[in-house]
Amino acid sequence: MNEKDVIENVGRCGKICTFCKDAAFCRGCGSTSAECAKHLTREGCYQYHCSKQKGLAGCWECDDAPCDMDVFSMDNNIRYRAFVRFAKYEGVEELGKCVFQNMIHGIRYGEGKDYDQFDSEEKVVQLLTKHYLSDD
């Protein structure tokens, strides 16, 4: 796994598909066989279908992101909201770079791990940018 792999596996919602707990059977929403297990709606992943319908690469390209639907609901993981907002303003490549740099410095990504210990998006972003933020 390298930085490019992480960048290329940022899902439409900002999740890093490669590190998802469902990565063993799902190759991520960027693949032709997206089988994301995040199904809070009958139709499946709201973010996947919504961004695809709007012709967007991901939620970070949407004016309304993060919305309050599915993985961005306030009852859900705050990491998703923080990551997609970061990608919206800093770029999806920067998001991938930050996650990768943190990973090699021991900051763990995934459900219930290091990014999930906070109660605000700002604190998640502080951890996200701890080891890397591009100057360009």
N, C-alpha and C. Protein backbone atom coordinates (compact mmCIF):
# COMPACT_ATOMS: atom_id res chain seq x y z
N MET A 1 0.84 -1.17 0.00
CA MET A 1 0.00 0.00 0.00
C MET A 1 0.88 1.24 0.00
N ASN A 2 0.61 2.14 -0.93
CA ASN A 2 1.35 3.39 -0.96
C ASN A 2 0.38 4.57 -1.02
N GLU A 3 0.92 5.77 -1.03
CA GLU A 3 0.11 6.98 -1.01
C GLU A 3 -0.87 7.02 -2.18
N LYS A 4 -0.41 6.65 -3.36
CA LYS A 4 -1.26 6.66 -4.55
C LYS A 4 -2.45 5.70 -4.38
N ASP A 5 -2.22 4.54 -3.80
CA ASP A 5 -3.31 3.58 -3.56
C ASP A 5 -4.38 4.18 -2.65
N VAL A 6 -3.94 4.88 -1.63
CA VAL A 6 -4.89 5.49 -0.70
C VAL A 6 -5.69 6.57 -1.42
N ILE A 7 -5.02 7.43 -2.17
CA ILE A 7 -5.70 8.51 -2.90
C ILE A 7 -6.72 7.94 -3.88
N GLU A 8 -6.34 6.89 -4.59
CA GLU A 8 -7.23 6.29 -5.58
C GLU A 8 -8.40 5.53 -4.97
N ASN A 9 -8.36 5.28 -3.67
CA ASN A 9 -9.42 4.53 -3.01
C ASN A 9 -10.25 5.37 -2.05
N VAL A 10 -10.28 6.67 -2.29
CA VAL A 10 -11.18 7.52 -1.52
C VAL A 10 -12.57 7.33 -2.12
N GLY A 11 -13.51 6.88 -1.29
CA GLY A 11 -14.87 6.64 -1.75
C GLY A 11 -15.63 7.94 -1.95
N ARG A 12 -16.79 7.84 -2.56
CA ARG A 12 -17.62 9.01 -2.87
C ARG A 12 -18.00 9.79 -1.62
N CYS A 13 -18.04 9.13 -0.47
CA CYS A 13 -18.41 9.80 0.79
C CYS A 13 -17.19 10.30 1.55
N GLY A 14 -16.00 10.04 1.04
CA GLY A 14 -14.78 10.44 1.74
C GLY A 14 -14.14 9.31 2.53
N LYS A 15 -14.85 8.19 2.62
CA LYS A 15 -14.29 7.02 3.31
C LYS A 15 -13.12 6.48 2.48
N ILE A 16 -12.12 5.95 3.14
CA ILE A 16 -11.01 5.32 2.43
C ILE A 16 -11.37 3.85 2.26
N CYS A 17 -11.86 3.51 1.08
CA CYS A 17 -12.42 2.18 0.84
C CYS A 17 -11.44 1.05 1.14
N THR A 18 -10.16 1.27 0.85
CA THR A 18 -9.14 0.25 1.08
C THR A 18 -9.07 -0.18 2.54
N PHE A 19 -9.33 0.74 3.46
CA PHE A 19 -9.23 0.44 4.88
C PHE A 19 -10.56 0.12 5.52
N CYS A 20 -11.61 0.05 4.74
CA CYS A 20 -12.94 -0.23 5.27
C CYS A 20 -12.99 -1.67 5.78
N LYS A 21 -13.79 -1.88 6.81
CA LYS A 21 -13.93 -3.23 7.36
C LYS A 21 -14.55 -4.20 6.35
N ASP A 22 -15.18 -3.68 5.31
CA ASP A 22 -15.80 -4.52 4.29
C ASP A 22 -14.92 -4.69 3.05
N ALA A 23 -13.67 -4.24 3.10
CA ALA A 23 -12.78 -4.28 1.94
C ALA A 23 -12.52 -5.70 1.43
N ALA A 24 -12.74 -6.70 2.27
CA ALA A 24 -12.50 -8.08 1.83
C ALA A 24 -13.47 -8.51 0.74
N PHE A 25 -14.70 -7.93 0.73
CA PHE A 25 -15.66 -8.32 -0.29
C PHE A 25 -16.11 -7.16 -1.17
N CYS A 26 -15.66 -5.97 -0.89
CA CYS A 26 -16.05 -4.80 -1.67
C CYS A 26 -14.79 -4.07 -2.11
N ARG A 27 -14.68 -3.79 -3.37
CA ARG A 27 -13.49 -3.10 -3.89
C ARG A 27 -13.65 -1.59 -3.88
N GLY A 28 -14.68 -1.08 -3.24
CA GLY A 28 -14.86 0.36 -3.14
C GLY A 28 -15.79 0.91 -4.18
N CYS A 29 -16.33 2.07 -3.91
CA CYS A 29 -17.33 2.63 -4.81
C CYS A 29 -16.73 3.18 -6.09
N GLY A 30 -15.42 3.23 -6.18
CA GLY A 30 -14.79 3.61 -7.43
C GLY A 30 -14.64 2.44 -8.39
N SER A 31 -14.94 1.24 -7.93
CA SER A 31 -14.81 0.05 -8.78
C SER A 31 -16.12 -0.24 -9.50
N THR A 32 -16.06 -1.19 -10.41
CA THR A 32 -17.28 -1.58 -11.14
C THR A 32 -18.14 -2.52 -10.32
N SER A 33 -17.62 -3.01 -9.23
CA SER A 33 -18.40 -3.93 -8.38
C SER A 33 -18.55 -3.37 -6.97
N ALA A 34 -19.05 -2.14 -6.90
CA ALA A 34 -19.24 -1.50 -5.59
C ALA A 34 -20.31 -2.24 -4.81
N GLU A 35 -19.94 -2.70 -3.64
CA GLU A 35 -20.88 -3.43 -2.79
C GLU A 35 -20.80 -2.89 -1.36
N CYS A 36 -20.73 -1.59 -1.24
CA CYS A 36 -20.59 -0.98 0.09
C CYS A 36 -21.68 -1.49 1.02
N ALA A 37 -21.27 -1.91 2.19
CA ALA A 37 -22.21 -2.47 3.16
C ALA A 37 -22.93 -1.39 3.95
N LYS A 38 -22.65 -0.14 3.68
CA LYS A 38 -23.31 0.95 4.38
C LYS A 38 -24.67 1.18 3.74
N HIS A 39 -25.65 0.47 4.20
CA HIS A 39 -26.98 0.54 3.59
C HIS A 39 -28.00 1.04 4.59
N LEU A 40 -28.03 2.33 4.80
CA LEU A 40 -29.01 2.90 5.71
C LEU A 40 -30.32 3.22 4.99
N THR A 41 -30.31 3.12 3.67
CA THR A 41 -31.52 3.32 2.90
C THR A 41 -31.82 2.03 2.13
N ARG A 42 -33.06 1.84 1.76
CA ARG A 42 -33.44 0.63 1.01
C ARG A 42 -32.68 0.51 -0.31
N GLU A 43 -32.37 1.64 -0.90
CA GLU A 43 -31.70 1.64 -2.20
C GLU A 43 -30.20 1.39 -2.10
N GLY A 44 -29.67 1.37 -0.92
CA GLY A 44 -28.23 1.19 -0.75
C GLY A 44 -27.58 2.48 -0.30
N CYS A 45 -26.33 2.67 -0.60
CA CYS A 45 -25.59 3.83 -0.15
C CYS A 45 -26.12 5.10 -0.82
N TYR A 46 -26.67 5.98 -0.02
CA TYR A 46 -27.23 7.23 -0.51
C TYR A 46 -26.15 8.06 -1.22
N GLN A 47 -24.98 8.20 -0.60
CA GLN A 47 -23.91 9.02 -1.18
C GLN A 47 -23.46 8.49 -2.54
N TYR A 48 -23.36 7.20 -2.66
CA TYR A 48 -22.97 6.61 -3.94
C TYR A 48 -23.98 6.98 -5.03
N HIS A 49 -25.25 6.70 -4.77
CA HIS A 49 -26.28 6.93 -5.78
C HIS A 49 -26.48 8.42 -6.06
N CYS A 50 -26.46 9.24 -5.04
CA CYS A 50 -26.68 10.67 -5.21
C CYS A 50 -25.56 11.30 -6.04
N SER A 51 -24.32 11.04 -5.67
CA SER A 51 -23.21 11.65 -6.41
C SER A 51 -23.14 11.12 -7.84
N LYS A 52 -23.43 9.85 -8.01
CA LYS A 52 -23.43 9.28 -9.36
C LYS A 52 -24.52 9.92 -10.21
N GLN A 53 -25.72 10.07 -9.64
CA GLN A 53 -26.84 10.69 -10.35
C GLN A 53 -26.52 12.14 -10.73
N LYS A 54 -25.80 12.84 -9.87
CA LYS A 54 -25.44 14.23 -10.14
C LYS A 54 -24.22 14.36 -11.05
N GLY A 55 -23.58 13.23 -11.38
CA GLY A 55 -22.39 13.26 -12.23
C GLY A 55 -21.15 13.76 -11.51
N LEU A 56 -21.10 13.56 -10.20
CA LEU A 56 -19.97 14.01 -9.39
C LEU A 56 -19.03 12.86 -9.06
N ALA A 57 -17.77 13.15 -8.94
CA ALA A 57 -16.79 12.12 -8.55
C ALA A 57 -16.99 11.71 -7.11
N GLY A 58 -17.49 12.63 -6.31
CA GLY A 58 -17.74 12.35 -4.90
C GLY A 58 -18.49 13.49 -4.26
N CYS A 59 -18.91 13.29 -3.05
CA CYS A 59 -19.70 14.28 -2.32
C CYS A 59 -18.96 15.60 -2.16
N TRP A 60 -17.66 15.58 -2.14
CA TRP A 60 -16.87 16.81 -1.97
C TRP A 60 -17.12 17.79 -3.11
N GLU A 61 -17.66 17.33 -4.24
CA GLU A 61 -17.97 18.23 -5.35
C GLU A 61 -19.37 18.83 -5.25
N CYS A 62 -20.13 18.41 -4.26
CA CYS A 62 -21.51 18.86 -4.11
C CYS A 62 -21.59 20.10 -3.22
N ASP A 63 -22.38 21.08 -3.66
CA ASP A 63 -22.56 22.31 -2.87
C ASP A 63 -23.19 22.04 -1.51
N ASP A 64 -23.99 20.98 -1.42
CA ASP A 64 -24.72 20.68 -0.19
C ASP A 64 -23.96 19.77 0.77
N ALA A 65 -22.77 19.36 0.42
CA ALA A 65 -22.04 18.39 1.24
C ALA A 65 -21.35 19.06 2.41
N PRO A 66 -21.28 18.40 3.53
CA PRO A 66 -21.97 17.14 3.79
C PRO A 66 -23.43 17.38 4.15
N CYS A 67 -24.30 16.63 3.53
CA CYS A 67 -25.73 16.72 3.81
C CYS A 67 -26.02 15.96 5.11
N ASP A 68 -27.25 15.75 5.41
CA ASP A 68 -27.60 15.01 6.63
C ASP A 68 -28.12 13.61 6.33
N MET A 69 -27.80 13.09 5.16
CA MET A 69 -28.31 11.80 4.74
C MET A 69 -27.29 10.68 4.97
N ASP A 70 -27.80 9.49 5.26
CA ASP A 70 -27.04 8.25 5.36
C ASP A 70 -25.77 8.42 6.20
N VAL A 71 -24.59 8.25 5.64
CA VAL A 71 -23.37 8.28 6.44
C VAL A 71 -23.06 9.66 7.01
N PHE A 72 -23.68 10.71 6.49
CA PHE A 72 -23.45 12.05 7.01
C PHE A 72 -24.46 12.45 8.08
N SER A 73 -25.38 11.56 8.42
CA SER A 73 -26.35 11.89 9.46
C SER A 73 -25.62 12.12 10.78
N MET A 74 -26.16 12.95 11.60
CA MET A 74 -25.51 13.27 12.87
C MET A 74 -25.44 12.07 13.80
N ASP A 75 -26.27 11.06 13.57
CA ASP A 75 -26.23 9.84 14.39
C ASP A 75 -25.10 8.92 13.95
N ASN A 76 -24.46 9.24 12.87
CA ASN A 76 -23.45 8.38 12.30
C ASN A 76 -22.05 8.90 12.66
N ASN A 77 -21.07 8.25 12.11
CA ASN A 77 -19.67 8.56 12.38
C ASN A 77 -19.29 9.96 11.91
N ILE A 78 -18.78 10.79 12.79
CA ILE A 78 -18.39 12.16 12.48
C ILE A 78 -17.20 12.22 11.52
N ARG A 79 -16.43 11.13 11.47
CA ARG A 79 -15.27 11.06 10.55
C ARG A 79 -15.70 11.29 9.11
N TYR A 80 -16.83 10.72 8.70
CA TYR A 80 -17.29 10.89 7.32
C TYR A 80 -17.52 12.36 6.99
N ARG A 81 -18.19 13.06 7.88
CA ARG A 81 -18.47 14.49 7.66
C ARG A 81 -17.16 15.28 7.59
N ALA A 82 -16.25 15.01 8.51
CA ALA A 82 -14.98 15.74 8.54
C ALA A 82 -14.15 15.45 7.29
N PHE A 83 -14.09 14.19 6.89
CA PHE A 83 -13.28 13.83 5.74
C PHE A 83 -13.82 14.43 4.45
N VAL A 84 -15.15 14.39 4.25
CA VAL A 84 -15.68 14.94 3.01
C VAL A 84 -15.57 16.46 3.00
N ARG A 85 -15.72 17.09 4.14
CA ARG A 85 -15.55 18.55 4.20
C ARG A 85 -14.08 18.91 3.90
N PHE A 86 -13.15 18.13 4.45
CA PHE A 86 -11.73 18.35 4.18
C PHE A 86 -11.45 18.21 2.68
N ALA A 87 -11.97 17.15 2.06
CA ALA A 87 -11.77 16.93 0.63
C ALA A 87 -12.39 18.06 -0.20
N LYS A 88 -13.50 18.58 0.28
CA LYS A 88 -14.19 19.67 -0.42
C LYS A 88 -13.32 20.92 -0.48
N TYR A 89 -12.63 21.24 0.60
CA TYR A 89 -11.86 22.48 0.67
C TYR A 89 -10.37 22.32 0.39
N GLU A 90 -9.83 21.14 0.67
CA GLU A 90 -8.39 20.92 0.47
C GLU A 90 -8.09 20.01 -0.73
N GLY A 91 -9.08 19.24 -1.15
CA GLY A 91 -8.90 18.32 -2.28
C GLY A 91 -8.82 16.88 -1.83
N VAL A 92 -9.31 16.01 -2.68
CA VAL A 92 -9.34 14.59 -2.35
C VAL A 92 -7.92 14.01 -2.30
N GLU A 93 -7.03 14.55 -3.11
CA GLU A 93 -5.64 14.09 -3.08
C GLU A 93 -4.99 14.43 -1.73
N GLU A 94 -5.25 15.61 -1.21
CA GLU A 94 -4.72 15.99 0.09
C GLU A 94 -5.27 15.08 1.19
N LEU A 95 -6.55 14.74 1.09
CA LEU A 95 -7.15 13.82 2.06
C LEU A 95 -6.39 12.50 2.06
N GLY A 96 -6.19 11.94 0.89
CA GLY A 96 -5.46 10.67 0.78
C GLY A 96 -4.04 10.77 1.30
N LYS A 97 -3.37 11.87 0.99
CA LYS A 97 -1.99 12.07 1.47
C LYS A 97 -1.95 12.13 2.99
N CYS A 98 -2.89 12.86 3.58
CA CYS A 98 -2.91 12.98 5.04
C CYS A 98 -3.16 11.64 5.71
N VAL A 99 -4.12 10.89 5.20
CA VAL A 99 -4.42 9.57 5.78
C VAL A 99 -3.21 8.66 5.66
N PHE A 100 -2.55 8.69 4.51
CA PHE A 100 -1.37 7.83 4.32
C PHE A 100 -0.24 8.22 5.27
N GLN A 101 0.07 9.51 5.34
CA GLN A 101 1.15 9.96 6.22
C GLN A 101 0.85 9.61 7.68
N ASN A 102 -0.40 9.79 8.08
CA ASN A 102 -0.77 9.42 9.45
C ASN A 102 -0.63 7.92 9.66
N MET A 103 -1.02 7.15 8.65
CA MET A 103 -0.93 5.69 8.75
C MET A 103 0.51 5.24 9.00
N ILE A 104 1.45 5.81 8.26
CA ILE A 104 2.84 5.39 8.45
C ILE A 104 3.41 5.89 9.78
N HIS A 105 2.71 6.84 10.41
CA HIS A 105 3.10 7.33 11.74
C HIS A 105 2.27 6.69 12.85
N GLY A 106 1.53 5.65 12.51
CA GLY A 106 0.82 4.88 13.52
C GLY A 106 -0.60 5.31 13.85
N ILE A 107 -1.14 6.28 13.12
CA ILE A 107 -2.53 6.69 13.36
C ILE A 107 -3.42 5.78 12.54
N ARG A 108 -4.31 5.07 13.23
CA ARG A 108 -5.11 4.02 12.61
C ARG A 108 -6.43 4.57 12.07
N TYR A 109 -6.77 4.13 10.85
CA TYR A 109 -8.02 4.48 10.20
C TYR A 109 -8.97 3.29 10.31
N GLY A 110 -10.21 3.55 10.51
CA GLY A 110 -11.22 2.49 10.52
C GLY A 110 -12.22 2.69 11.63
N GLU A 111 -13.27 1.93 11.56
CA GLU A 111 -14.36 2.04 12.52
C GLU A 111 -13.85 1.78 13.94
N GLY A 112 -14.11 2.75 14.82
CA GLY A 112 -13.70 2.62 16.22
C GLY A 112 -12.23 2.87 16.48
N LYS A 113 -11.50 3.35 15.47
CA LYS A 113 -10.07 3.58 15.65
C LYS A 113 -9.79 5.06 15.90
N ASP A 114 -8.59 5.53 15.61
CA ASP A 114 -8.13 6.84 16.05
C ASP A 114 -8.98 8.04 15.62
N TYR A 115 -9.47 8.06 14.37
CA TYR A 115 -10.26 9.21 13.92
C TYR A 115 -11.66 9.23 14.54
N ASP A 116 -12.08 8.14 15.12
CA ASP A 116 -13.43 8.04 15.66
C ASP A 116 -13.53 8.40 17.14
N GLN A 117 -12.48 8.90 17.72
CA GLN A 117 -12.49 9.19 19.15
C GLN A 117 -12.93 10.62 19.49
N PHE A 118 -13.27 11.40 18.48
CA PHE A 118 -13.56 12.81 18.71
C PHE A 118 -15.04 13.14 18.60
N ASP A 119 -15.40 14.29 19.18
CA ASP A 119 -16.79 14.72 19.17
C ASP A 119 -17.03 15.92 18.26
N SER A 120 -16.01 16.30 17.48
CA SER A 120 -16.20 17.41 16.53
C SER A 120 -15.38 17.17 15.27
N GLU A 121 -15.88 17.74 14.17
CA GLU A 121 -15.16 17.63 12.90
C GLU A 121 -13.80 18.30 12.99
N GLU A 122 -13.73 19.40 13.71
CA GLU A 122 -12.47 20.14 13.83
C GLU A 122 -11.37 19.28 14.47
N LYS A 123 -11.73 18.52 15.47
CA LYS A 123 -10.74 17.65 16.13
C LYS A 123 -10.30 16.52 15.20
N VAL A 124 -11.22 16.01 14.40
CA VAL A 124 -10.86 14.97 13.43
C VAL A 124 -9.87 15.55 12.42
N VAL A 125 -10.14 16.76 11.94
CA VAL A 125 -9.25 17.40 10.96
C VAL A 125 -7.90 17.70 11.58
N GLN A 126 -7.87 18.08 12.84
CA GLN A 126 -6.58 18.31 13.51
C GLN A 126 -5.73 17.04 13.50
N LEU A 127 -6.35 15.91 13.79
CA LEU A 127 -5.61 14.64 13.75
C LEU A 127 -5.24 14.30 12.31
N LEU A 128 -6.16 14.51 11.39
CA LEU A 128 -5.92 14.21 9.99
C LEU A 128 -4.70 14.95 9.46
N THR A 129 -4.52 16.20 9.86
CA THR A 129 -3.42 17.02 9.34
C THR A 129 -2.18 16.99 10.24
N LYS A 130 -2.19 16.13 11.21
CA LYS A 130 -1.09 16.10 12.19
C LYS A 130 0.28 15.90 11.55
N HIS A 131 0.39 15.01 10.59
CA HIS A 131 1.70 14.68 10.02
C HIS A 131 1.92 15.19 8.61
N TYR A 132 0.88 15.76 7.99
CA TYR A 132 1.07 16.20 6.61
C TYR A 132 -0.02 17.16 6.18
N LEU A 133 0.38 18.22 5.57
CA LEU A 133 -0.54 19.10 4.85
C LEU A 133 0.32 19.82 3.83
N SER A 134 0.00 19.60 2.57
CA SER A 134 0.80 20.14 1.47
C SER A 134 0.80 21.65 1.48
N ASP A 135 1.91 22.23 1.08
CA ASP A 135 2.01 23.68 1.00
C ASP A 135 1.64 24.20 -0.39
N ASP A 136 1.43 23.26 -1.37
CA ASP A 136 1.15 23.77 -2.71
C ASP A 136 -0.27 24.09 -2.93
